Amino acid sequence: MNCMNCGSANDTTDFLANGEKMILCVNCRYDLASGKLKLPFKTMGRPSLGITKKVSLTLPEKMWEHVDHKANGNRSDYLRSLVDRDMSEENKWTNQSCLGYTIAAATQLGFSPEQIELLIGAMYDQLDTLTVTEAREIHNKFQH
């Protein structure tokens, strides 16, 4: 149970105040009892997105420049979006998804099952041989 004022889970308890259920941590209960916190109160800022854990991240300067450029002033939001994207099945690029696209395209173009088998065999060879960077370079050269 988290404090509805500060979000802490430190010795939280629930109680009724002015007919409303309140959940406060020990520090906010102390502030309420000492008059530093007044009822009714509204939590300042946006609602909590989850559990806060402090981390220290060491990156080369070039990577920090990239993070800061992409983060647009909000590193937490940017890093949260990277983790969310990493957890999403929709964004996972796998050899199987690449082969699925290839089969769909070959079918759309009217390739025979035998031609598709040959194409998929060649694709497996290339997936095992080329790095992602090499494949991207081949694609970029083909586009120009």
N, C-alpha and C. Protein backbone atom coordinates (compact mmCIF):
# COMPACT_ATOMS: atom_id res chain seq x y z
N MET A 1 0.86 -1.16 0.00
CA MET A 1 0.00 0.00 0.00
C MET A 1 0.91 1.24 0.00
N ASN A 2 0.62 2.18 -0.88
CA ASN A 2 1.44 3.39 -0.99
C ASN A 2 0.70 4.61 -0.45
N CYS A 3 1.48 5.52 0.11
CA CYS A 3 0.95 6.77 0.65
C CYS A 3 0.32 7.58 -0.47
N MET A 4 -0.89 8.07 -0.25
CA MET A 4 -1.56 8.84 -1.28
C MET A 4 -1.05 10.28 -1.37
N ASN A 5 -0.20 10.67 -0.46
CA ASN A 5 0.37 12.00 -0.51
C ASN A 5 1.74 12.00 -1.19
N CYS A 6 2.63 11.09 -0.79
CA CYS A 6 3.98 11.12 -1.32
C CYS A 6 4.37 9.86 -2.10
N GLY A 7 3.55 8.80 -2.03
CA GLY A 7 3.84 7.58 -2.77
C GLY A 7 4.70 6.57 -2.04
N SER A 8 5.18 6.91 -0.84
CA SER A 8 6.04 6.02 -0.07
C SER A 8 5.26 4.80 0.42
N ALA A 9 5.98 3.70 0.63
CA ALA A 9 5.37 2.50 1.21
C ALA A 9 5.86 2.31 2.66
N ASN A 10 6.53 3.32 3.21
CA ASN A 10 7.12 3.24 4.54
C ASN A 10 6.04 3.33 5.63
N ASP A 11 5.73 2.20 6.27
CA ASP A 11 4.79 2.14 7.39
C ASP A 11 3.47 2.85 7.05
N THR A 12 2.86 2.44 5.93
CA THR A 12 1.59 3.06 5.53
C THR A 12 0.44 2.43 6.30
N THR A 13 -0.58 3.22 6.50
CA THR A 13 -1.81 2.72 7.12
C THR A 13 -2.98 3.49 6.53
N ASP A 14 -4.15 2.86 6.58
CA ASP A 14 -5.33 3.55 6.07
C ASP A 14 -6.24 3.92 7.24
N PHE A 15 -6.95 5.02 7.08
CA PHE A 15 -7.86 5.50 8.11
C PHE A 15 -8.88 6.43 7.47
N LEU A 16 -9.93 6.77 8.22
CA LEU A 16 -10.94 7.70 7.74
C LEU A 16 -10.66 9.09 8.29
N ALA A 17 -10.74 10.09 7.42
CA ALA A 17 -10.59 11.48 7.83
C ALA A 17 -11.62 12.29 7.05
N ASN A 18 -12.46 13.00 7.77
CA ASN A 18 -13.54 13.76 7.14
C ASN A 18 -14.39 12.89 6.23
N GLY A 19 -14.59 11.63 6.63
CA GLY A 19 -15.43 10.71 5.88
C GLY A 19 -14.77 10.11 4.65
N GLU A 20 -13.50 10.40 4.43
CA GLU A 20 -12.78 9.86 3.28
C GLU A 20 -11.68 8.94 3.74
N LYS A 21 -11.50 7.83 2.99
CA LYS A 21 -10.42 6.90 3.30
C LYS A 21 -9.09 7.53 2.91
N MET A 22 -8.16 7.55 3.84
CA MET A 22 -6.83 8.10 3.61
C MET A 22 -5.81 6.97 3.78
N ILE A 23 -4.77 7.02 2.99
CA ILE A 23 -3.64 6.11 3.13
C ILE A 23 -2.40 6.99 3.22
N LEU A 24 -1.75 6.98 4.37
CA LEU A 24 -0.58 7.83 4.57
C LEU A 24 0.57 7.02 5.17
N CYS A 25 1.78 7.41 4.82
CA CYS A 25 2.97 6.82 5.41
C CYS A 25 3.23 7.47 6.76
N VAL A 26 4.19 6.97 7.49
CA VAL A 26 4.49 7.48 8.81
C VAL A 26 4.90 8.95 8.76
N ASN A 27 5.68 9.35 7.75
CA ASN A 27 6.14 10.74 7.66
C ASN A 27 4.98 11.69 7.39
N CYS A 28 4.08 11.31 6.48
CA CYS A 28 2.95 12.18 6.17
C CYS A 28 1.95 12.22 7.32
N ARG A 29 1.82 11.11 8.07
CA ARG A 29 0.95 11.13 9.26
C ARG A 29 1.53 12.09 10.30
N TYR A 30 2.85 12.09 10.45
CA TYR A 30 3.49 13.00 11.38
C TYR A 30 3.25 14.45 10.94
N ASP A 31 3.44 14.71 9.61
CA ASP A 31 3.21 16.06 9.08
C ASP A 31 1.76 16.48 9.28
N LEU A 32 0.82 15.54 9.15
CA LEU A 32 -0.60 15.85 9.35
C LEU A 32 -0.85 16.18 10.82
N ALA A 33 -0.27 15.38 11.73
CA ALA A 33 -0.47 15.60 13.16
C ALA A 33 0.19 16.90 13.63
N SER A 34 1.31 17.26 13.02
CA SER A 34 2.02 18.47 13.44
C SER A 34 1.51 19.73 12.73
N GLY A 35 0.58 19.57 11.82
CA GLY A 35 0.00 20.72 11.13
C GLY A 35 0.71 21.13 9.85
N LYS A 36 1.81 20.45 9.50
CA LYS A 36 2.51 20.78 8.26
C LYS A 36 1.72 20.34 7.03
N LEU A 37 0.88 19.33 7.20
CA LEU A 37 0.05 18.83 6.12
C LEU A 37 -1.40 19.07 6.50
N LYS A 38 -2.16 19.68 5.61
CA LYS A 38 -3.55 20.03 5.89
C LYS A 38 -4.49 19.17 5.06
N LEU A 39 -5.63 18.84 5.62
CA LEU A 39 -6.68 18.14 4.88
C LEU A 39 -7.71 19.14 4.40
N PRO A 40 -8.39 18.96 3.31
CA PRO A 40 -8.06 17.93 2.32
C PRO A 40 -6.83 18.37 1.53
N PHE A 41 -6.03 17.41 1.10
CA PHE A 41 -4.85 17.75 0.31
C PHE A 41 -4.95 17.04 -1.02
N LYS A 42 -4.28 17.59 -1.96
CA LYS A 42 -4.17 16.98 -3.28
C LYS A 42 -2.70 16.68 -3.49
N THR A 43 -2.41 15.52 -4.00
CA THR A 43 -1.03 15.18 -4.29
C THR A 43 -0.50 16.09 -5.37
N MET A 44 0.64 16.65 -5.14
CA MET A 44 1.25 17.54 -6.12
C MET A 44 1.83 16.72 -7.26
N GLY A 45 1.81 17.28 -8.46
CA GLY A 45 2.44 16.62 -9.61
C GLY A 45 1.57 15.53 -10.20
N ARG A 46 2.16 14.82 -11.12
CA ARG A 46 1.41 13.76 -11.81
C ARG A 46 1.35 12.51 -10.94
N PRO A 47 0.39 11.62 -11.21
CA PRO A 47 0.28 10.39 -10.43
C PRO A 47 1.51 9.51 -10.63
N SER A 48 1.80 8.71 -9.64
CA SER A 48 2.94 7.81 -9.68
C SER A 48 2.78 6.82 -10.83
N LEU A 49 3.88 6.55 -11.53
CA LEU A 49 3.86 5.58 -12.62
C LEU A 49 4.24 4.19 -12.13
N GLY A 50 4.74 4.10 -10.92
CA GLY A 50 5.18 2.81 -10.40
C GLY A 50 6.16 2.98 -9.27
N ILE A 51 7.01 2.01 -9.12
CA ILE A 51 7.99 1.99 -8.04
C ILE A 51 9.24 2.75 -8.48
N THR A 52 9.73 3.64 -7.66
CA THR A 52 10.94 4.39 -7.97
C THR A 52 12.14 3.64 -7.39
N LYS A 53 13.11 3.37 -8.25
CA LYS A 53 14.37 2.76 -7.82
C LYS A 53 15.48 3.61 -8.40
N LYS A 54 16.35 4.06 -7.54
CA LYS A 54 17.46 4.90 -7.97
C LYS A 54 18.54 4.01 -8.58
N VAL A 55 19.05 4.42 -9.74
CA VAL A 55 20.12 3.68 -10.40
C VAL A 55 21.20 4.66 -10.83
N SER A 56 22.39 4.15 -10.98
CA SER A 56 23.49 4.94 -11.51
C SER A 56 23.88 4.29 -12.82
N LEU A 57 23.91 5.06 -13.88
CA LEU A 57 24.19 4.52 -15.20
C LEU A 57 25.44 5.19 -15.75
N THR A 58 26.43 4.39 -16.08
CA THR A 58 27.67 4.90 -16.65
C THR A 58 27.67 4.62 -18.14
N LEU A 59 27.76 5.70 -18.92
CA LEU A 59 27.80 5.59 -20.38
C LEU A 59 28.90 6.50 -20.91
N PRO A 60 29.44 6.17 -22.08
CA PRO A 60 30.40 7.10 -22.71
C PRO A 60 29.70 8.41 -23.05
N GLU A 61 30.45 9.48 -23.17
CA GLU A 61 29.90 10.80 -23.45
C GLU A 61 29.02 10.80 -24.69
N LYS A 62 29.45 10.09 -25.73
CA LYS A 62 28.68 10.06 -26.98
C LYS A 62 27.30 9.45 -26.76
N MET A 63 27.22 8.44 -25.92
CA MET A 63 25.92 7.81 -25.63
C MET A 63 25.04 8.76 -24.81
N TRP A 64 25.64 9.49 -23.85
CA TRP A 64 24.86 10.46 -23.07
C TRP A 64 24.31 11.56 -23.98
N GLU A 65 25.12 11.98 -24.94
CA GLU A 65 24.65 12.98 -25.89
C GLU A 65 23.45 12.46 -26.67
N HIS A 66 23.53 11.19 -27.07
CA HIS A 66 22.40 10.57 -27.79
C HIS A 66 21.17 10.50 -26.90
N VAL A 67 21.35 10.04 -25.65
CA VAL A 67 20.22 9.96 -24.72
C VAL A 67 19.60 11.33 -24.52
N ASP A 68 20.42 12.33 -24.26
CA ASP A 68 19.90 13.68 -24.02
C ASP A 68 19.18 14.24 -25.24
N HIS A 69 19.70 13.94 -26.43
CA HIS A 69 19.04 14.41 -27.66
C HIS A 69 17.67 13.74 -27.81
N LYS A 70 17.62 12.44 -27.61
CA LYS A 70 16.36 11.69 -27.76
C LYS A 70 15.38 11.97 -26.62
N ALA A 71 15.92 12.23 -25.42
CA ALA A 71 15.08 12.38 -24.23
C ALA A 71 14.29 13.67 -24.23
N ASN A 72 14.74 14.65 -24.97
CA ASN A 72 14.01 15.93 -25.03
C ASN A 72 13.75 16.50 -23.63
N GLY A 73 14.76 16.42 -22.76
CA GLY A 73 14.63 16.98 -21.42
C GLY A 73 14.07 16.04 -20.38
N ASN A 74 13.67 14.83 -20.75
CA ASN A 74 13.09 13.90 -19.78
C ASN A 74 13.72 12.52 -19.96
N ARG A 75 14.87 12.33 -19.30
CA ARG A 75 15.58 11.05 -19.42
C ARG A 75 14.74 9.89 -18.92
N SER A 76 14.02 10.09 -17.80
CA SER A 76 13.21 9.00 -17.24
C SER A 76 12.18 8.51 -18.24
N ASP A 77 11.48 9.45 -18.87
CA ASP A 77 10.45 9.08 -19.84
C ASP A 77 11.07 8.35 -21.03
N TYR A 78 12.22 8.83 -21.49
CA TYR A 78 12.90 8.19 -22.62
C TYR A 78 13.33 6.77 -22.27
N LEU A 79 13.98 6.60 -21.11
CA LEU A 79 14.43 5.27 -20.71
C LEU A 79 13.24 4.34 -20.47
N ARG A 80 12.15 4.87 -19.90
CA ARG A 80 10.93 4.08 -19.71
C ARG A 80 10.39 3.61 -21.07
N SER A 81 10.43 4.47 -22.09
CA SER A 81 9.94 4.09 -23.42
C SER A 81 10.82 3.01 -24.05
N LEU A 82 12.14 3.06 -23.78
CA LEU A 82 13.03 2.02 -24.30
C LEU A 82 12.73 0.66 -23.66
N VAL A 83 12.51 0.66 -22.35
CA VAL A 83 12.18 -0.59 -21.67
C VAL A 83 10.83 -1.12 -22.15
N ASP A 84 9.86 -0.22 -22.30
CA ASP A 84 8.53 -0.62 -22.79
C ASP A 84 8.65 -1.22 -24.19
N ARG A 85 9.42 -0.58 -25.05
CA ARG A 85 9.61 -1.08 -26.42
C ARG A 85 10.30 -2.44 -26.39
N ASP A 86 11.28 -2.60 -25.51
CA ASP A 86 11.99 -3.87 -25.40
C ASP A 86 11.08 -4.99 -24.93
N MET A 87 10.11 -4.66 -24.07
CA MET A 87 9.20 -5.67 -23.53
C MET A 87 8.08 -6.02 -24.51
N SER A 88 7.82 -5.18 -25.50
CA SER A 88 6.72 -5.38 -26.42
C SER A 88 7.05 -6.45 -27.45
N GLU A 89 6.15 -7.40 -27.61
CA GLU A 89 6.32 -8.43 -28.63
C GLU A 89 6.18 -7.84 -30.03
N GLU A 90 5.37 -6.79 -30.17
CA GLU A 90 5.11 -6.19 -31.48
C GLU A 90 6.38 -5.67 -32.13
N ASN A 91 7.32 -5.20 -31.33
CA ASN A 91 8.52 -4.58 -31.88
C ASN A 91 9.71 -5.52 -31.98
N LYS A 92 9.53 -6.79 -31.64
CA LYS A 92 10.64 -7.72 -31.70
C LYS A 92 10.87 -8.15 -33.15
N TRP A 93 12.06 -7.89 -33.64
CA TRP A 93 12.43 -8.30 -34.98
C TRP A 93 13.21 -9.58 -34.84
N THR A 94 12.70 -10.66 -35.40
CA THR A 94 13.37 -11.95 -35.31
C THR A 94 13.58 -12.49 -36.71
N ASN A 95 14.41 -13.51 -36.80
CA ASN A 95 14.57 -14.18 -38.10
C ASN A 95 13.24 -14.73 -38.58
N GLN A 96 12.43 -15.25 -37.66
CA GLN A 96 11.14 -15.82 -38.05
C GLN A 96 10.21 -14.75 -38.62
N SER A 97 10.20 -13.55 -38.00
CA SER A 97 9.34 -12.50 -38.54
C SER A 97 9.85 -12.04 -39.90
N CYS A 98 11.16 -11.96 -40.06
CA CYS A 98 11.75 -11.59 -41.35
C CYS A 98 11.37 -12.62 -42.41
N LEU A 99 11.45 -13.90 -42.08
CA LEU A 99 11.08 -14.96 -43.02
C LEU A 99 9.58 -14.92 -43.31
N GLY A 100 8.78 -14.59 -42.32
CA GLY A 100 7.34 -14.47 -42.53
C GLY A 100 7.02 -13.37 -43.53
N TYR A 101 7.69 -12.21 -43.40
CA TYR A 101 7.52 -11.13 -44.37
C TYR A 101 7.91 -11.59 -45.78
N THR A 102 9.03 -12.33 -45.84
CA THR A 102 9.52 -12.80 -47.13
C THR A 102 8.53 -13.76 -47.78
N ILE A 103 8.01 -14.69 -47.00
CA ILE A 103 7.02 -15.65 -47.53
C ILE A 103 5.77 -14.91 -48.00
N ALA A 104 5.30 -13.95 -47.21
CA ALA A 104 4.10 -13.18 -47.59
C ALA A 104 4.34 -12.43 -48.89
N ALA A 105 5.51 -11.80 -49.03
CA ALA A 105 5.81 -11.03 -50.24
C ALA A 105 5.94 -11.96 -51.45
N ALA A 106 6.62 -13.10 -51.27
CA ALA A 106 6.79 -14.04 -52.38
C ALA A 106 5.44 -14.61 -52.81
N THR A 107 4.57 -14.88 -51.85
CA THR A 107 3.23 -15.38 -52.17
C THR A 107 2.45 -14.31 -52.93
N GLN A 108 2.54 -13.07 -52.49
CA GLN A 108 1.86 -11.96 -53.15
C GLN A 108 2.33 -11.81 -54.61
N LEU A 109 3.62 -12.07 -54.84
CA LEU A 109 4.17 -11.95 -56.20
C LEU A 109 3.91 -13.19 -57.05
N GLY A 110 3.28 -14.21 -56.46
CA GLY A 110 2.92 -15.40 -57.23
C GLY A 110 4.01 -16.45 -57.32
N PHE A 111 4.99 -16.41 -56.41
CA PHE A 111 6.03 -17.44 -56.41
C PHE A 111 5.38 -18.79 -56.15
N SER A 112 5.92 -19.82 -56.77
CA SER A 112 5.44 -21.18 -56.52
C SER A 112 5.97 -21.65 -55.16
N PRO A 113 5.35 -22.69 -54.58
CA PRO A 113 5.89 -23.22 -53.31
C PRO A 113 7.36 -23.62 -53.42
N GLU A 114 7.75 -24.16 -54.57
CA GLU A 114 9.15 -24.56 -54.77
C GLU A 114 10.07 -23.33 -54.77
N GLN A 115 9.63 -22.26 -55.44
CA GLN A 115 10.42 -21.03 -55.46
C GLN A 115 10.53 -20.42 -54.07
N ILE A 116 9.44 -20.48 -53.32
CA ILE A 116 9.46 -19.96 -51.95
C ILE A 116 10.43 -20.77 -51.10
N GLU A 117 10.43 -22.10 -51.26
CA GLU A 117 11.38 -22.95 -50.51
C GLU A 117 12.82 -22.56 -50.83
N LEU A 118 13.13 -22.33 -52.12
CA LEU A 118 14.48 -21.92 -52.51
C LEU A 118 14.84 -20.56 -51.90
N LEU A 119 13.88 -19.63 -51.96
CA LEU A 119 14.10 -18.30 -51.40
C LEU A 119 14.35 -18.37 -49.89
N ILE A 120 13.54 -19.16 -49.19
CA ILE A 120 13.70 -19.28 -47.73
C ILE A 120 15.03 -19.94 -47.39
N GLY A 121 15.44 -20.93 -48.16
CA GLY A 121 16.75 -21.56 -47.94
C GLY A 121 17.88 -20.54 -48.09
N ALA A 122 17.78 -19.70 -49.12
CA ALA A 122 18.79 -18.67 -49.32
C ALA A 122 18.74 -17.63 -48.20
N MET A 123 17.53 -17.32 -47.74
CA MET A 123 17.38 -16.37 -46.63
C MET A 123 18.05 -16.92 -45.37
N TYR A 124 17.83 -18.20 -45.07
CA TYR A 124 18.47 -18.80 -43.89
C TYR A 124 19.98 -18.66 -43.98
N ASP A 125 20.54 -18.94 -45.19
CA ASP A 125 22.00 -18.81 -45.36
C ASP A 125 22.46 -17.38 -45.05
N GLN A 126 21.73 -16.39 -45.56
CA GLN A 126 22.12 -15.00 -45.35
C GLN A 126 21.93 -14.58 -43.89
N LEU A 127 20.86 -15.05 -43.25
CA LEU A 127 20.64 -14.72 -41.84
C LEU A 127 21.77 -15.26 -40.97
N ASP A 128 22.33 -16.41 -41.38
CA ASP A 128 23.43 -17.01 -40.63
C ASP A 128 24.78 -16.38 -40.97
N THR A 129 24.88 -15.69 -42.11
CA THR A 129 26.15 -15.20 -42.60
C THR A 129 26.35 -13.70 -42.34
N LEU A 130 25.34 -12.90 -42.65
CA LEU A 130 25.47 -11.45 -42.57
C LEU A 130 25.11 -10.92 -41.19
N THR A 131 25.78 -9.84 -40.81
CA THR A 131 25.36 -9.12 -39.60
C THR A 131 24.20 -8.21 -39.98
N VAL A 132 23.50 -7.69 -39.00
CA VAL A 132 22.41 -6.75 -39.25
C VAL A 132 22.95 -5.51 -39.96
N THR A 133 24.12 -5.05 -39.56
CA THR A 133 24.72 -3.87 -40.19
C THR A 133 25.04 -4.15 -41.66
N GLU A 134 25.60 -5.32 -41.96
CA GLU A 134 25.90 -5.66 -43.36
C GLU A 134 24.62 -5.74 -44.19
N ALA A 135 23.58 -6.32 -43.63
CA ALA A 135 22.30 -6.42 -44.35
C ALA A 135 21.73 -5.03 -44.61
N ARG A 136 21.83 -4.13 -43.61
CA ARG A 136 21.34 -2.76 -43.78
C ARG A 136 22.11 -2.05 -44.88
N GLU A 137 23.43 -2.25 -44.93
CA GLU A 137 24.25 -1.62 -45.97
C GLU A 137 23.86 -2.11 -47.36
N ILE A 138 23.59 -3.40 -47.50
CA ILE A 138 23.15 -3.96 -48.78
C ILE A 138 21.81 -3.33 -49.17
N HIS A 139 20.91 -3.22 -48.22
CA HIS A 139 19.61 -2.60 -48.48
C HIS A 139 19.78 -1.16 -48.92
N ASN A 140 20.62 -0.39 -48.22
CA ASN A 140 20.84 1.01 -48.56
C ASN A 140 21.43 1.17 -49.96
N LYS A 141 22.36 0.30 -50.34
CA LYS A 141 22.95 0.36 -51.67
C LYS A 141 21.90 0.03 -52.73
N PHE A 142 21.03 -0.91 -52.45
CA PHE A 142 19.99 -1.32 -53.40
C PHE A 142 18.98 -0.19 -53.61
N GLN A 143 18.72 0.60 -52.57
CA GLN A 143 17.75 1.68 -52.65
C GLN A 143 18.24 2.83 -53.51
N HIS A 144 19.54 2.97 -53.73
CA HIS A 144 20.06 4.14 -54.49
C HIS A 144 20.36 3.79 -55.90
